Amino acid sequence: MPDAIGSSVDYGRAAGEAAALAASRPRRLLEVLAADLVKHFLADEAVISVEVLLRKRILPHTDAVAVRMRRAK
């Protein structure tokens, strides 16, 4: 990989796309949102692999619950 800004991920764009996808419809399970995000980002032909980590602070006496999903083309 070249050490050039053009070779990097546009994290602002990725965050915006993730937020828009999350807001597009209600989901009950973090696993479903993680799968939807992975599918969305893998649809970009420049992306060869994706790892999504989602945390949700919903339970008392815990920091968070989390789901991690990794996929590659």
C-alpha atoms as a PDB file:
ATOM      1  CA  MET A   1       0.000   0.000   0.000  1.00  0.00           C
ATOM      2  CA  PRO A   2       1.417   3.405  -0.895  1.00  0.00           C
ATOM      3  CA  ASP A   3       1.961   5.836   1.971  1.00  0.00           C
ATOM      4  CA  ALA A   4      -0.397   8.404   0.455  1.00  0.00           C
ATOM      5  CA  ILE A   5      -3.596  10.027   1.724  1.00  0.00           C
ATOM      6  CA  GLY A   6      -5.423   8.838  -1.391  1.00  0.00           C
ATOM      7  CA  SER A   7      -4.853   5.241  -0.289  1.00  0.00           C
ATOM      8  CA  SER A   8      -6.586   5.700   3.047  1.00  0.00           C
ATOM      9  CA  VAL A   9     -10.185   5.224   4.089  1.00  0.00           C
ATOM     10  CA  ASP A  10     -12.338   8.341   4.206  1.00  0.00           C
ATOM     11  CA  TYR A  11     -13.401   7.803   7.813  1.00  0.00           C
ATOM     12  CA  GLY A  12     -15.766  10.773   7.787  1.00  0.00           C
ATOM     13  CA  ARG A  13     -17.628   9.311   4.822  1.00  0.00           C
ATOM     14  CA  ALA A  14     -17.647   5.831   6.363  1.00  0.00           C
ATOM     15  CA  ALA A  15     -19.041   7.201   9.638  1.00  0.00           C
ATOM     16  CA  GLY A  16     -21.739   9.131   7.779  1.00  0.00           C
ATOM     17  CA  GLU A  17     -22.740   6.068   5.773  1.00  0.00           C
ATOM     18  CA  ALA A  18     -22.844   3.935   8.919  1.00  0.00           C
ATOM     19  CA  ALA A  19     -25.005   6.482  10.745  1.00  0.00           C
ATOM     20  CA  ALA A  20     -27.375   6.794   7.778  1.00  0.00           C
ATOM     21  CA  LEU A  21     -27.713   3.020   7.474  1.00  0.00           C
ATOM     22  CA  ALA A  22     -28.330   2.653  11.211  1.00  0.00           C
ATOM     23  CA  ALA A  23     -31.051   5.330  11.067  1.00  0.00           C
ATOM     24  CA  SER A  24     -32.688   3.918   7.929  1.00  0.00           C
ATOM     25  CA  ARG A  25     -34.870   1.413   9.793  1.00  0.00           C
ATOM     26  CA  PRO A  26     -35.334   0.064  13.302  1.00  0.00           C
ATOM     27  CA  ARG A  27     -33.498  -3.095  14.318  1.00  0.00           C
ATOM     28  CA  ARG A  28     -33.855  -5.051  17.539  1.00  0.00           C
ATOM     29  CA  LEU A  29     -30.523  -6.850  17.420  1.00  0.00           C
ATOM     30  CA  LEU A  30     -26.993  -5.463  17.263  1.00  0.00           C
ATOM     31  CA  GLU A  31     -26.114  -8.526  15.199  1.00  0.00           C
ATOM     32  CA  VAL A  32     -28.513  -7.456  12.448  1.00  0.00           C
ATOM     33  CA  LEU A  33     -27.094  -3.931  12.306  1.00  0.00           C
ATOM     34  CA  ALA A  34     -23.541  -5.318  12.243  1.00  0.00           C
ATOM     35  CA  ALA A  35     -24.444  -7.643   9.355  1.00  0.00           C
ATOM     36  CA  ASP A  36     -26.101  -4.786   7.453  1.00  0.00           C
ATOM     37  CA  LEU A  37     -23.024  -2.572   7.914  1.00  0.00           C
ATOM     38  CA  VAL A  38     -20.659  -5.330   6.781  1.00  0.00           C
ATOM     39  CA  LYS A  39     -22.765  -5.999   3.686  1.00  0.00           C
ATOM     40  CA  HIS A  40     -22.901  -2.280   2.871  1.00  0.00           C
ATOM     41  CA  PHE A  41     -19.156  -1.707   3.097  1.00  0.00           C
ATOM     42  CA  LEU A  42     -18.200  -4.926   1.293  1.00  0.00           C
ATOM     43  CA  ALA A  43     -20.341  -3.768  -1.649  1.00  0.00           C
ATOM     44  CA  ASP A  44     -17.654  -1.123  -2.317  1.00  0.00           C
ATOM     45  CA  GLU A  45     -15.249  -2.766  -4.776  1.00  0.00           C
ATOM     46  CA  ALA A  46     -12.272  -0.988  -3.148  1.00  0.00           C
ATOM     47  CA  VAL A  47     -12.989  -2.687   0.185  1.00  0.00           C
ATOM     48  CA  ILE A  48     -11.511  -6.164   0.650  1.00  0.00           C
ATOM     49  CA  SER A  49     -12.386  -6.769   4.295  1.00  0.00           C
ATOM     50  CA  VAL A  50     -14.474  -5.208   7.046  1.00  0.00           C
ATOM     51  CA  GLU A  51     -14.547  -5.412  10.809  1.00  0.00           C
ATOM     52  CA  VAL A  52     -17.461  -3.845  12.684  1.00  0.00           C
ATOM     53  CA  LEU A  53     -17.591  -3.432  16.454  1.00  0.00           C
ATOM     54  CA  LEU A  54     -20.841  -2.175  17.953  1.00  0.00           C
ATOM     55  CA  ARG A  55     -21.307  -1.393  21.646  1.00  0.00           C
ATOM     56  CA  LYS A  56     -24.547  -0.639  23.396  1.00  0.00           C
ATOM     57  CA  ARG A  57     -24.836   0.603  26.958  1.00  0.00           C
ATOM     58  CA  ILE A  58     -28.134  -0.878  28.068  1.00  0.00           C
ATOM     59  CA  LEU A  59     -27.572  -3.122  31.080  1.00  0.00           C
ATOM     60  CA  PRO A  60     -26.978  -1.960  34.629  1.00  0.00           C
ATOM     61  CA  HIS A  61     -23.696  -2.994  36.247  1.00  0.00           C
ATOM     62  CA  THR A  62     -21.940  -3.452  32.889  1.00  0.00           C
ATOM     63  CA  ASP A  63     -19.970  -1.090  30.687  1.00  0.00           C
ATOM     64  CA  ALA A  64     -21.682  -2.330  27.541  1.00  0.00           C
ATOM     65  CA  VAL A  65     -22.725  -5.291  25.458  1.00  0.00           C
ATOM     66  CA  ALA A  66     -20.960  -5.696  22.127  1.00  0.00           C
ATOM     67  CA  VAL A  67     -20.968  -7.468  18.802  1.00  0.00           C
ATOM     68  CA  ARG A  68     -17.906  -7.820  16.579  1.00  0.00           C
ATOM     69  CA  MET A  69     -18.226  -9.070  13.008  1.00  0.00           C
ATOM     70  CA  ARG A  70     -15.408  -9.631  10.482  1.00  0.00           C
ATOM     71  CA  ARG A  71     -15.862 -10.516   6.850  1.00  0.00           C
ATOM     72  CA  ALA A  72     -13.650 -10.540   3.765  1.00  0.00           C
ATOM     73  CA  LYS A  73     -14.290 -10.899   0.056  1.00  0.00           C
END
